[in-house]
Amino acid sequence: VQLQASGGGLVQTGGSLGLSCAASGRTFSRYNMTWIRQAPGKEREFVAGIRSGGSTAYGDSVKGRFTISRENAKNMVYLQMNSLKPEDTAVYYCAARTPGGMDYWGEGTQVTVSS
């Protein structure tokens, strides 16, 4: 499984940004997908996840501001980020877990929120 995240950039506080993650694999619809971020000097942080069935979960710091979605026909997962804060600055990674329990990570995309 190969994953490629895109859509990062520089945005002002209060702004919005949308991230995309393209995945390979013929059984993408069965993958559980996750967005994870890591800020400089900090540990990795769970941002949002979406199961194969469509149920979603969010980290406490992003609830109400971020929305994860997926488009199985295109092997895509998205993260819409609204009301961005400087503390959202991080490298954002998408990750996949296959039904067999294998985890795959893509290269991250940098999100910088200026104050």
PDB file of N, CA and C in Angstrom:
ATOM      1  N   VAL A   1       0.854  -1.191   0.000  1.00  0.00           N
ATOM      2  CA  VAL A   1       0.000   0.000   0.000  1.00  0.00           C
ATOM      3  C   VAL A   1       0.886   1.235   0.000  1.00  0.00           C
ATOM      4  N   GLN A   2       0.653   2.100  -0.940  1.00  0.00           N
ATOM      5  CA  GLN A   2       1.381   3.359  -0.998  1.00  0.00           C
ATOM      6  C   GLN A   2       0.416   4.504  -0.734  1.00  0.00           C
ATOM      7  N   LEU A   3       0.890   5.461   0.051  1.00  0.00           N
ATOM      8  CA  LEU A   3       0.071   6.597   0.439  1.00  0.00           C
ATOM      9  C   LEU A   3       0.802   7.883   0.113  1.00  0.00           C
ATOM     10  N   GLN A   4       0.084   8.839  -0.403  1.00  0.00           N
ATOM     11  CA  GLN A   4       0.675  10.137  -0.734  1.00  0.00           C
ATOM     12  C   GLN A   4      -0.246  11.237  -0.244  1.00  0.00           C
ATOM     13  N   ALA A   5       0.225  11.960   0.754  1.00  0.00           N
ATOM     14  CA  ALA A   5      -0.541  13.082   1.287  1.00  0.00           C
ATOM     15  C   ALA A   5      -0.181  14.361   0.552  1.00  0.00           C
ATOM     16  N   SER A   6      -1.152  15.235   0.414  1.00  0.00           N
ATOM     17  CA  SER A   6      -0.919  16.511  -0.248  1.00  0.00           C
ATOM     18  C   SER A   6      -1.881  17.548   0.306  1.00  0.00           C
ATOM     19  N   GLY A   7      -1.606  18.799  -0.051  1.00  0.00           N
ATOM     20  CA  GLY A   7      -2.523  19.864   0.328  1.00  0.00           C
ATOM     21  C   GLY A   7      -2.041  20.759   1.460  1.00  0.00           C
ATOM     22  N   GLY A   8      -0.893  20.444   2.017  1.00  0.00           N
ATOM     23  CA  GLY A   8      -0.372  21.288   3.082  1.00  0.00           C
ATOM     24  C   GLY A   8       0.053  22.645   2.572  1.00  0.00           C
ATOM     25  N   GLY A   9       0.330  23.527   3.503  1.00  0.00           N
ATOM     26  CA  GLY A   9       0.773  24.855   3.131  1.00  0.00           C
ATOM     27  C   GLY A   9       0.761  25.796   4.308  1.00  0.00           C
ATOM     28  N   LEU A  10       0.829  27.070   4.001  1.00  0.00           N
ATOM     29  CA  LEU A  10       0.840  28.125   5.013  1.00  0.00           C
ATOM     30  C   LEU A  10      -0.518  28.814   5.029  1.00  0.00           C
ATOM     31  N   VAL A  11      -1.081  28.958   6.218  1.00  0.00           N
ATOM     32  CA  VAL A  11      -2.384  29.590   6.347  1.00  0.00           C
ATOM     33  C   VAL A  11      -2.388  30.427   7.620  1.00  0.00           C
ATOM     34  N   GLN A  12      -3.197  31.453   7.635  1.00  0.00           N
ATOM     35  CA  GLN A  12      -3.285  32.298   8.820  1.00  0.00           C
ATOM     36  C   GLN A  12      -4.222  31.690   9.863  1.00  0.00           C
ATOM     37  N   THR A  13      -4.034  32.097  11.081  1.00  0.00           N
ATOM     38  CA  THR A  13      -4.922  31.658  12.164  1.00  0.00           C
ATOM     39  C   THR A  13      -6.375  31.936  11.794  1.00  0.00           C
ATOM     40  N   GLY A  14      -7.197  30.931  12.015  1.00  0.00           N
ATOM     41  CA  GLY A  14      -8.607  31.056  11.675  1.00  0.00           C
ATOM     42  C   GLY A  14      -8.949  30.604  10.278  1.00  0.00           C
ATOM     43  N   GLY A  15      -7.943  30.332   9.501  1.00  0.00           N
ATOM     44  CA  GLY A  15      -8.163  29.918   8.126  1.00  0.00           C
ATOM     45  C   GLY A  15      -8.468  28.439   7.998  1.00  0.00           C
ATOM     46  N   SER A  16      -8.614  28.002   6.755  1.00  0.00           N
ATOM     47  CA  SER A  16      -8.949  26.607   6.464  1.00  0.00           C
ATOM     48  C   SER A  16      -7.970  26.029   5.461  1.00  0.00           C
ATOM     49  N   LEU A  17      -7.857  24.731   5.522  1.00  0.00           N
ATOM     50  CA  LEU A  17      -6.981  24.006   4.610  1.00  0.00           C
ATOM     51  C   LEU A  17      -7.535  22.607   4.457  1.00  0.00           C
ATOM     52  N   GLY A  18      -7.420  22.056   3.258  1.00  0.00           N
ATOM     53  CA  GLY A  18      -7.864  20.686   3.031  1.00  0.00           C
ATOM     54  C   GLY A  18      -6.719  19.801   2.615  1.00  0.00           C
ATOM     55  N   LEU A  19      -6.585  18.680   3.280  1.00  0.00           N
ATOM     56  CA  LEU A  19      -5.553  17.717   2.942  1.00  0.00           C
ATOM     57  C   LEU A  19      -6.184  16.541   2.211  1.00  0.00           C
ATOM     58  N   SER A  20      -5.395  15.942   1.334  1.00  0.00           N
ATOM     59  CA  SER A  20      -5.824  14.758   0.610  1.00  0.00           C
ATOM     60  C   SER A  20      -4.791  13.680   0.766  1.00  0.00           C
ATOM     61  N   CYS A  21      -5.236  12.453   0.689  1.00  0.00           N
ATOM     62  CA  CYS A  21      -4.325  11.318   0.735  1.00  0.00           C
ATOM     63  C   CYS A  21      -4.782  10.311  -0.306  1.00  0.00           C
ATOM     64  N   ALA A  22      -3.900  10.038  -1.246  1.00  0.00           N
ATOM     65  CA  ALA A  22      -4.181   9.061  -2.291  1.00  0.00           C
ATOM     66  C   ALA A  22      -3.547   7.734  -1.900  1.00  0.00           C
ATOM     67  N   ALA A  23      -4.316   6.678  -2.003  1.00  0.00           N
ATOM     68  CA  ALA A  23      -3.832   5.361  -1.604  1.00  0.00           C
ATOM     69  C   ALA A  23      -3.873   4.399  -2.774  1.00  0.00           C
ATOM     70  N   SER A  24      -2.924   3.495  -2.790  1.00  0.00           N
ATOM     71  CA  SER A  24      -2.946   2.430  -3.785  1.00  0.00           C
ATOM     72  C   SER A  24      -3.671   1.235  -3.178  1.00  0.00           C
ATOM     73  N   GLY A  25      -3.903   0.243  -3.997  1.00  0.00           N
ATOM     74  CA  GLY A  25      -4.528  -0.966  -3.469  1.00  0.00           C
ATOM     75  C   GLY A  25      -5.933  -1.140  -3.969  1.00  0.00           C
ATOM     76  N   ARG A  26      -6.249  -2.400  -4.295  1.00  0.00           N
ATOM     77  CA  ARG A  26      -7.575  -2.674  -4.847  1.00  0.00           C
ATOM     78  C   ARG A  26      -8.636  -2.849  -3.773  1.00  0.00           C
ATOM     79  N   THR A  27      -8.189  -2.921  -2.510  1.00  0.00           N
ATOM     80  CA  THR A  27      -9.156  -3.123  -1.433  1.00  0.00           C
ATOM     81  C   THR A  27      -9.182  -1.936  -0.495  1.00  0.00           C
ATOM     82  N   PHE A  28      -8.980  -0.746  -1.043  1.00  0.00           N
ATOM     83  CA  PHE A  28      -8.929   0.466  -0.223  1.00  0.00           C
ATOM     84  C   PHE A  28     -10.160   0.605   0.651  1.00  0.00           C
ATOM     85  N   SER A  29     -11.314   0.212   0.136  1.00  0.00           N
ATOM     86  CA  SER A  29     -12.550   0.397   0.889  1.00  0.00           C
ATOM     87  C   SER A  29     -12.533  -0.366   2.211  1.00  0.00           C
ATOM     88  N   ARG A  30     -11.649  -1.340   2.331  1.00  0.00           N
ATOM     89  CA  ARG A  30     -11.566  -2.151   3.551  1.00  0.00           C
ATOM     90  C   ARG A  30     -10.518  -1.634   4.533  1.00  0.00           C
ATOM     91  N   TYR A  31      -9.796  -0.591   4.131  1.00  0.00           N
ATOM     92  CA  TYR A  31      -8.766  -0.058   5.023  1.00  0.00           C
ATOM     93  C   TYR A  31      -9.380   0.899   6.044  1.00  0.00           C
ATOM     94  N   ASN A  32      -8.855   0.872   7.238  1.00  0.00           N
ATOM     95  CA  ASN A  32      -9.120   1.937   8.196  1.00  0.00           C
ATOM     96  C   ASN A  32      -8.049   3.004   7.982  1.00  0.00           C
ATOM     97  N   MET A  33      -8.476   4.236   7.834  1.00  0.00           N
ATOM     98  CA  MET A  33      -7.555   5.308   7.495  1.00  0.00           C
ATOM     99  C   MET A  33      -7.449   6.307   8.643  1.00  0.00           C
ATOM    100  N   THR A  34      -6.262   6.845   8.806  1.00  0.00           N
ATOM    101  CA  THR A  34      -5.993   7.736   9.929  1.00  0.00           C
ATOM    102  C   THR A  34      -5.130   8.905   9.482  1.00  0.00           C
ATOM    103  N   TRP A  35      -5.400  10.039  10.058  1.00  0.00           N
ATOM    104  CA  TRP A  35      -4.499  11.191   9.937  1.00  0.00           C
ATOM    105  C   TRP A  35      -3.800  11.366  11.282  1.00  0.00           C
ATOM    106  N   ILE A  36      -2.503  11.516  11.225  1.00  0.00           N
ATOM    107  CA  ILE A  36      -1.672  11.701  12.405  1.00  0.00           C
ATOM    108  C   ILE A  36      -0.741  12.871  12.135  1.00  0.00           C
ATOM    109  N   ARG A  37      -0.420  13.622  13.158  1.00  0.00           N
ATOM    110  CA  ARG A  37       0.478  14.761  12.950  1.00  0.00           C
ATOM    111  C   ARG A  37       1.610  14.734  13.963  1.00  0.00           C
ATOM    112  N   GLN A  38       2.681  15.399  13.599  1.00  0.00           N
ATOM    113  CA  GLN A  38       3.815  15.523  14.502  1.00  0.00           C
ATOM    114  C   GLN A  38       4.402  16.906  14.368  1.00  0.00           C
ATOM    115  N   ALA A  39       4.395  17.619  15.465  1.00  0.00           N
ATOM    116  CA  ALA A  39       4.989  18.943  15.514  1.00  0.00           C
ATOM    117  C   ALA A  39       6.439  18.826  15.991  1.00  0.00           C
ATOM    118  N   PRO A  40       7.271  19.799  15.655  1.00  0.00           N
ATOM    119  CA  PRO A  40       8.682  19.743  16.075  1.00  0.00           C
ATOM    120  C   PRO A  40       8.814  19.594  17.585  1.00  0.00           C
ATOM    121  N   GLY A  41       9.601  18.621  17.987  1.00  0.00           N
ATOM    122  CA  GLY A  41       9.844  18.421  19.408  1.00  0.00           C
ATOM    123  C   GLY A  41       8.718  17.771  20.166  1.00  0.00           C
ATOM    124  N   LYS A  42       7.674  17.349  19.464  1.00  0.00           N
ATOM    125  CA  LYS A  42       6.527  16.742  20.129  1.00  0.00           C
ATOM    126  C   LYS A  42       6.297  15.331  19.611  1.00  0.00           C
ATOM    127  N   GLU A  43       5.534  14.575  20.372  1.00  0.00           N
ATOM    128  CA  GLU A  43       5.211  13.232  19.950  1.00  0.00           C
ATOM    129  C   GLU A  43       4.124  13.248  18.880  1.00  0.00           C
ATOM    130  N   ARG A  44       4.022  12.154  18.186  1.00  0.00           N
ATOM    131  CA  ARG A  44       2.955  12.022  17.208  1.00  0.00           C
ATOM    132  C   ARG A  44       1.606  12.083  17.898  1.00  0.00           C
ATOM    133  N   GLU A  45       0.655  12.675  17.218  1.00  0.00           N
ATOM    134  CA  GLU A  45      -0.662  12.888  17.796  1.00  0.00           C
ATOM    135  C   GLU A  45      -1.725  12.402  16.824  1.00  0.00           C
ATOM    136  N   PHE A  46      -2.654  11.616  17.338  1.00  0.00           N
ATOM    137  CA  PHE A  46      -3.791  11.183  16.536  1.00  0.00           C
ATOM    138  C   PHE A  46      -4.663  12.395  16.231  1.00  0.00           C
ATOM    139  N   VAL A  47      -5.004  12.550  14.964  1.00  0.00           N
ATOM    140  CA  VAL A  47      -5.844  13.673  14.556  1.00  0.00           C
ATOM    141  C   VAL A  47      -7.263  13.199  14.268  1.00  0.00           C
ATOM    142  N   ALA A  48      -7.383  12.241  13.357  1.00  0.00           N
ATOM    143  CA  ALA A  48      -8.705  11.748  12.969  1.00  0.00           C
ATOM    144  C   ALA A  48      -8.573  10.393  12.315  1.00  0.00           C
ATOM    145  N   GLY A  49      -9.633   9.614  12.424  1.00  0.00           N
ATOM    146  CA  GLY A  49      -9.643   8.310  11.789  1.00  0.00           C
ATOM    147  C   GLY A  49     -11.002   8.023  11.193  1.00  0.00           C
ATOM    148  N   ILE A  50     -11.008   7.215  10.153  1.00  0.00           N
ATOM    149  CA  ILE A  50     -12.263   6.797   9.543  1.00  0.00           C
ATOM    150  C   ILE A  50     -12.149   5.319   9.213  1.00  0.00           C
ATOM    151  N   ARG A  51     -13.097   4.571   9.707  1.00  0.00           N
ATOM    152  CA  ARG A  51     -13.081   3.135   9.483  1.00  0.00           C
ATOM    153  C   ARG A  51     -13.622   2.782   8.105  1.00  0.00           C
ATOM    154  N   SER A  52     -13.444   1.523   7.746  1.00  0.00           N
ATOM    155  CA  SER A  52     -13.935   1.075   6.444  1.00  0.00           C
ATOM    156  C   SER A  52     -15.444   1.263   6.339  1.00  0.00           C
ATOM    157  N   GLY A  53     -16.113   1.153   7.440  1.00  0.00           N
ATOM    158  CA  GLY A  53     -17.563   1.315   7.443  1.00  0.00           C
ATOM    159  C   GLY A  53     -18.024   2.752   7.470  1.00  0.00           C
ATOM    160  N   GLY A  54     -17.073   3.668   7.646  1.00  0.00           N
ATOM    161  CA  GLY A  54     -17.410   5.086   7.601  1.00  0.00           C
ATOM    162  C   GLY A  54     -17.474   5.779   8.940  1.00  0.00           C
ATOM    163  N   SER A  55     -17.401   5.036  10.032  1.00  0.00           N
ATOM    164  CA  SER A  55     -17.431   5.708  11.333  1.00  0.00           C
ATOM    165  C   SER A  55     -16.147   6.494  11.531  1.00  0.00           C
ATOM    166  N   THR A  56     -16.254   7.587  12.243  1.00  0.00           N
ATOM    167  CA  THR A  56     -15.127   8.504  12.406  1.00  0.00           C
ATOM    168  C   THR A  56     -14.799   8.739  13.876  1.00  0.00           C
ATOM    169  N   ALA A  57     -13.593   9.170  14.106  1.00  0.00           N
ATOM    170  CA  ALA A  57     -13.132   9.540  15.442  1.00  0.00           C
ATOM    171  C   ALA A  57     -12.149  10.685  15.304  1.00  0.00           C
ATOM    172  N   TYR A  58     -12.091  11.526  16.337  1.00  0.00           N
ATOM    173  CA  TYR A  58     -11.236  12.703  16.287  1.00  0.00           C
ATOM    174  C   TYR A  58     -10.469  12.873  17.587  1.00  0.00           C
ATOM    175  N   GLY A  59      -9.277  13.441  17.458  1.00  0.00           N
ATOM    176  CA  GLY A  59      -8.547  13.814  18.647  1.00  0.00           C
ATOM    177  C   GLY A  59      -9.235  14.990  19.327  1.00  0.00           C
ATOM    178  N   ASP A  60      -9.085  15.079  20.629  1.00  0.00           N
ATOM    179  CA  ASP A  60      -9.790  16.117  21.380  1.00  0.00           C
ATOM    180  C   ASP A  60      -9.437  17.516  20.906  1.00  0.00           C
ATOM    181  N   SER A  61      -8.206  17.701  20.480  1.00  0.00           N
ATOM    182  CA  SER A  61      -7.759  19.043  20.117  1.00  0.00           C
ATOM    183  C   SER A  61      -8.336  19.538  18.795  1.00  0.00           C
ATOM    184  N   VAL A  62      -8.933  18.637  18.016  1.00  0.00           N
ATOM    185  CA  VAL A  62      -9.442  19.047  16.701  1.00  0.00           C
ATOM    186  C   VAL A  62     -10.948  18.854  16.558  1.00  0.00           C
ATOM    187  N   LYS A  63     -11.573  18.275  17.561  1.00  0.00           N
ATOM    188  CA  LYS A  63     -13.018  18.037  17.482  1.00  0.00           C
ATOM    189  C   LYS A  63     -13.767  19.329  17.218  1.00  0.00           C
ATOM    190  N   GLY A  64     -14.687  19.247  16.275  1.00  0.00           N
ATOM    191  CA  GLY A  64     -15.480  20.413  15.936  1.00  0.00           C
ATOM    192  C   GLY A  64     -14.844  21.326  14.910  1.00  0.00           C
ATOM    193  N   ARG A  65     -13.576  21.087  14.619  1.00  0.00           N
ATOM    194  CA  ARG A  65     -12.874  21.939  13.643  1.00  0.00           C
ATOM    195  C   ARG A  65     -12.433  21.161  12.402  1.00  0.00           C
ATOM    196  N   PHE A  66     -12.107  19.893  12.586  1.00  0.00           N
ATOM    197  CA  PHE A  66     -11.612  19.081  11.481  1.00  0.00           C
ATOM    198  C   PHE A  66     -12.662  18.035  11.105  1.00  0.00           C
ATOM    199  N   THR A  67     -12.655  17.676   9.819  1.00  0.00           N
ATOM    200  CA  THR A  67     -13.562  16.637   9.344  1.00  0.00           C
ATOM    201  C   THR A  67     -12.801  15.682   8.434  1.00  0.00           C
ATOM    202  N   ILE A  68     -12.896  14.406   8.743  1.00  0.00           N
ATOM    203  CA  ILE A  68     -12.278  13.387   7.903  1.00  0.00           C
ATOM    204  C   ILE A  68     -13.365  12.756   7.041  1.00  0.00           C
ATOM    205  N   SER A  69     -12.995  12.434   5.816  1.00  0.00           N
ATOM    206  CA  SER A  69     -13.927  11.766   4.913  1.00  0.00           C
ATOM    207  C   SER A  69     -13.138  10.890   3.963  1.00  0.00           C
ATOM    208  N   ARG A  70     -13.850  10.043   3.263  1.00  0.00           N
ATOM    209  CA  ARG A  70     -13.183   9.173   2.301  1.00  0.00           C
ATOM    210  C   ARG A  70     -14.037   9.023   1.058  1.00  0.00           C
ATOM    211  N   GLU A  71     -13.369   8.707  -0.024  1.00  0.00           N
ATOM    212  CA  GLU A  71     -14.039   8.481  -1.292  1.00  0.00           C
ATOM    213  C   GLU A  71     -13.453   7.198  -1.853  1.00  0.00           C
ATOM    214  N   ASN A  72     -14.126   6.105  -1.551  1.00  0.00           N
ATOM    215  CA  ASN A  72     -13.565   4.796  -1.891  1.00  0.00           C
ATOM    216  C   ASN A  72     -13.398   4.598  -3.386  1.00  0.00           C
ATOM    217  N   ALA A  73     -14.277   5.168  -4.187  1.00  0.00           N
ATOM    218  CA  ALA A  73     -14.187   4.988  -5.635  1.00  0.00           C
ATOM    219  C   ALA A  73     -12.892   5.574  -6.201  1.00  0.00           C
ATOM    220  N   LYS A  74     -12.322   6.528  -5.448  1.00  0.00           N
ATOM    221  CA  LYS A  74     -11.092   7.176  -5.916  1.00  0.00           C
ATOM    222  C   LYS A  74      -9.892   6.833  -5.050  1.00  0.00           C
ATOM    223  N   ASN A  75     -10.083   5.931  -4.088  1.00  0.00           N
ATOM    224  CA  ASN A  75      -8.991   5.575  -3.170  1.00  0.00           C
ATOM    225  C   ASN A  75      -8.426   6.810  -2.474  1.00  0.00           C
ATOM    226  N   MET A  76      -9.312   7.660  -1.991  1.00  0.00           N
ATOM    227  CA  MET A  76      -8.896   8.919  -1.396  1.00  0.00           C
ATOM    228  C   MET A  76      -9.461   9.073   0.012  1.00  0.00           C
ATOM    229  N   VAL A  77      -8.682   9.712   0.848  1.00  0.00           N
ATOM    230  CA  VAL A  77      -9.173  10.144   2.155  1.00  0.00           C
ATOM    231  C   VAL A  77      -8.805  11.612   2.305  1.00  0.00           C
ATOM    232  N   TYR A  78      -9.671  12.344   2.972  1.00  0.00           N
ATOM    233  CA  TYR A  78      -9.513  13.788   3.067  1.00  0.00           C
ATOM    234  C   TYR A  78      -9.548  14.235   4.532  1.00  0.00           C
ATOM    235  N   LEU A  79      -8.943  15.394   4.755  1.00  0.00           N
ATOM    236  CA  LEU A  79      -9.044  16.027   6.062  1.00  0.00           C
ATOM    237  C   LEU A  79      -9.304  17.510   5.828  1.00  0.00           C
ATOM    238  N   GLN A  80     -10.505  17.935   6.141  1.00  0.00           N
ATOM    239  CA  GLN A  80     -10.840  19.351   6.054  1.00  0.00           C
ATOM    240  C   GLN A  80     -10.576  19.986   7.409  1.00  0.00           C
ATOM    241  N   MET A  81      -9.748  21.016   7.399  1.00  0.00           N
ATOM    242  CA  MET A  81      -9.324  21.658   8.635  1.00  0.00           C
ATOM    243  C   MET A  81      -9.817  23.100   8.633  1.00  0.00           C
ATOM    244  N   ASN A  82     -10.635  23.424   9.590  1.00  0.00           N
ATOM    245  CA  ASN A  82     -11.186  24.779   9.727  1.00  0.00           C
ATOM    246  C   ASN A  82     -10.744  25.391  11.050  1.00  0.00           C
ATOM    247  N   SER A  83     -10.885  26.689  11.140  1.00  0.00           N
ATOM    248  CA  SER A  83     -10.542  27.420  12.369  1.00  0.00           C
ATOM    249  C   SER A  83      -9.151  27.034  12.863  1.00  0.00           C
ATOM    250  N   LEU A  84      -8.220  27.051  11.959  1.00  0.00           N
ATOM    251  CA  LEU A  84      -6.867  26.599  12.286  1.00  0.00           C
ATOM    252  C   LEU A  84      -6.192  27.503  13.305  1.00  0.00           C
ATOM    253  N   LYS A  85      -5.370  26.875  14.125  1.00  0.00           N
ATOM    254  CA  LYS A  85      -4.652  27.573  15.185  1.00  0.00           C
ATOM    255  C   LYS A  85      -3.152  27.332  15.006  1.00  0.00           C
ATOM    256  N   PRO A  86      -2.321  28.188  15.550  1.00  0.00           N
ATOM    257  CA  PRO A  86      -0.875  27.968  15.449  1.00  0.00           C
ATOM    258  C   PRO A  86      -0.451  26.601  15.981  1.00  0.00           C
ATOM    259  N   GLU A  87      -1.133  26.113  16.987  1.00  0.00           N
ATOM    260  CA  GLU A  87      -0.778  24.805  17.540  1.00  0.00           C
ATOM    261  C   GLU A  87      -1.141  23.653  16.620  1.00  0.00           C
ATOM    262  N   ASP A  88      -1.821  23.916  15.516  1.00  0.00           N
ATOM    263  CA  ASP A  88      -2.074  22.885  14.514  1.00  0.00           C
ATOM    264  C   ASP A  88      -0.885  22.709  13.576  1.00  0.00           C
ATOM    265  N   THR A  89       0.097  23.574  13.697  1.00  0.00           N
ATOM    266  CA  THR A  89       1.287  23.473  12.863  1.00  0.00           C
ATOM    267  C   THR A  89       1.998  22.155  13.111  1.00  0.00           C
ATOM    268  N   ALA A  90       2.216  21.395  12.043  1.00  0.00           N
ATOM    269  CA  ALA A  90       2.823  20.070  12.170  1.00  0.00           C
ATOM    270  C   ALA A  90       2.974  19.471  10.776  1.00  0.00           C
ATOM    271  N   VAL A  91       3.672  18.374  10.731  1.00  0.00           N
ATOM    272  CA  VAL A  91       3.660  17.538   9.533  1.00  0.00           C
ATOM    273  C   VAL A  91       2.512  16.545   9.701  1.00  0.00           C
ATOM    274  N   TYR A  92       1.657  16.484   8.714  1.00  0.00           N
ATOM    275  CA  TYR A  92       0.488  15.626   8.759  1.00  0.00           C
ATOM    276  C   TYR A  92       0.740  14.395   7.878  1.00  0.00           C
ATOM    277  N   TYR A  93       0.471  13.234   8.456  1.00  0.00           N
ATOM    278  CA  TYR A  93       0.657  11.977   7.765  1.00  0.00           C
ATOM    279  C   TYR A  93      -0.685  11.247   7.654  1.00  0.00           C
ATOM    280  N   CYS A  94      -0.869  10.558   6.552  1.00  0.00           N
ATOM    281  CA  CYS A  94      -1.988   9.628   6.510  1.00  0.00           C
ATOM    282  C   CYS A  94      -1.439   8.211   6.639  1.00  0.00           C
ATOM    283  N   ALA A  95      -2.228   7.388   7.257  1.00  0.00           N
ATOM    284  CA  ALA A  95      -1.829   6.016   7.511  1.00  0.00           C
ATOM    285  C   ALA A  95      -3.007   5.098   7.217  1.00  0.00           C
ATOM    286  N   ALA A  96      -2.682   3.890   6.837  1.00  0.00           N
ATOM    287  CA  ALA A  96      -3.702   2.896   6.518  1.00  0.00           C
ATOM    288  C   ALA A  96      -3.457   1.636   7.317  1.00  0.00           C
ATOM    289  N   ARG A  97      -4.512   1.035   7.764  1.00  0.00           N
ATOM    290  CA  ARG A  97      -4.444  -0.293   8.382  1.00  0.00           C
ATOM    291  C   ARG A  97      -5.322  -1.217   7.558  1.00  0.00           C
ATOM    292  N   THR A  98      -4.689  -2.288   7.083  1.00  0.00           N
ATOM    293  CA  THR A  98      -5.412  -3.233   6.242  1.00  0.00           C
ATOM    294  C   THR A  98      -6.204  -4.212   7.114  1.00  0.00           C
ATOM    295  N   PRO A  99      -7.124  -4.937   6.521  1.00  0.00           N
ATOM    296  CA  PRO A  99      -7.858  -5.930   7.301  1.00  0.00           C
ATOM    297  C   PRO A  99      -6.949  -6.963   7.957  1.00  0.00           C
ATOM    298  N   GLY A 100      -5.788  -7.189   7.363  1.00  0.00           N
ATOM    299  CA  GLY A 100      -4.827  -8.120   7.936  1.00  0.00           C
ATOM    300  C   GLY A 100      -4.007  -7.540   9.065  1.00  0.00           C
ATOM    301  N   GLY A 101      -4.246  -6.258   9.382  1.00  0.00           N
ATOM    302  CA  GLY A 101      -3.542  -5.648  10.495  1.00  0.00           C
ATOM    303  C   GLY A 101      -2.227  -4.991  10.155  1.00  0.00           C
ATOM    304  N   MET A 102      -1.911  -4.889   8.871  1.00  0.00           N
ATOM    305  CA  MET A 102      -0.679  -4.229   8.459  1.00  0.00           C
ATOM    306  C   MET A 102      -0.889  -2.719   8.418  1.00  0.00           C
ATOM    307  N   ASP A 103       0.108  -1.992   8.914  1.00  0.00           N
ATOM    308  CA  ASP A 103       0.056  -0.530   8.935  1.00  0.00           C
ATOM    309  C   ASP A 103       1.004   0.040   7.890  1.00  0.00           C
ATOM    310  N   TYR A 104       0.526   1.044   7.190  1.00  0.00           N
ATOM    311  CA  TYR A 104       1.317   1.722   6.175  1.00  0.00           C
ATOM    312  C   TYR A 104       1.220   3.227   6.384  1.00  0.00           C
ATOM    313  N   TRP A 105       2.341   3.886   6.149  1.00  0.00           N
ATOM    314  CA  TRP A 105       2.410   5.341   6.294  1.00  0.00           C
ATOM    315  C   TRP A 105       2.880   5.956   4.999  1.00  0.00           C
ATOM    316  N   GLY A 106       2.399   7.147   4.745  1.00  0.00           N
ATOM    317  CA  GLY A 106       2.900   7.897   3.610  1.00  0.00           C
ATOM    318  C   GLY A 106       3.827   9.010   4.074  1.00  0.00           C
ATOM    319  N   GLU A 107       4.417   9.665   3.133  1.00  0.00           N
ATOM    320  CA  GLU A 107       5.207  10.846   3.458  1.00  0.00           C
ATOM    321  C   GLU A 107       4.246  11.962   3.870  1.00  0.00           C
ATOM    322  N   GLY A 108       4.668  12.746   4.794  1.00  0.00           N
ATOM    323  CA  GLY A 108       3.801  13.766   5.334  1.00  0.00           C
ATOM    324  C   GLY A 108       3.740  15.021   4.485  1.00  0.00           C
ATOM    325  N   THR A 109       2.816  15.868   4.874  1.00  0.00           N
ATOM    326  CA  THR A 109       2.681  17.171   4.247  1.00  0.00           C
ATOM    327  C   THR A 109       2.682  18.230   5.349  1.00  0.00           C
ATOM    328  N   GLN A 110       3.434  19.288   5.144  1.00  0.00           N
ATOM    329  CA  GLN A 110       3.607  20.303   6.174  1.00  0.00           C
ATOM    330  C   GLN A 110       2.433  21.271   6.193  1.00  0.00           C
ATOM    331  N   VAL A 111       1.919  21.492   7.376  1.00  0.00           N
ATOM    332  CA  VAL A 111       0.896  22.511   7.598  1.00  0.00           C
ATOM    333  C   VAL A 111       1.461  23.522   8.582  1.00  0.00           C
ATOM    334  N   THR A 112       1.458  24.774   8.182  1.00  0.00           N
ATOM    335  CA  THR A 112       1.953  25.844   9.049  1.00  0.00           C
ATOM    336  C   THR A 112       0.870  26.896   9.211  1.00  0.00           C
ATOM    337  N   VAL A 113       0.543  27.181  10.448  1.00  0.00           N
ATOM    338  CA  VAL A 113      -0.479  28.175  10.753  1.00  0.00           C
ATOM    339  C   VAL A 113       0.206  29.366  11.410  1.00  0.00           C
ATOM    340  N   SER A 114       0.129  30.489  10.756  1.00  0.00           N
ATOM    341  CA  SER A 114       0.784  31.688  11.281  1.00  0.00           C
ATOM    342  C   SER A 114      -0.158  32.431  12.222  1.00  0.00           C
ATOM    343  N   SER A 115       0.458  33.036  13.232  1.00  0.00           N
ATOM    344  CA  SER A 115      -0.351  33.769  14.223  1.00  0.00           C
ATOM    345  C   SER A 115      -0.514  35.227  13.843  1.00  0.00           C
TER     346      SER A 115
END
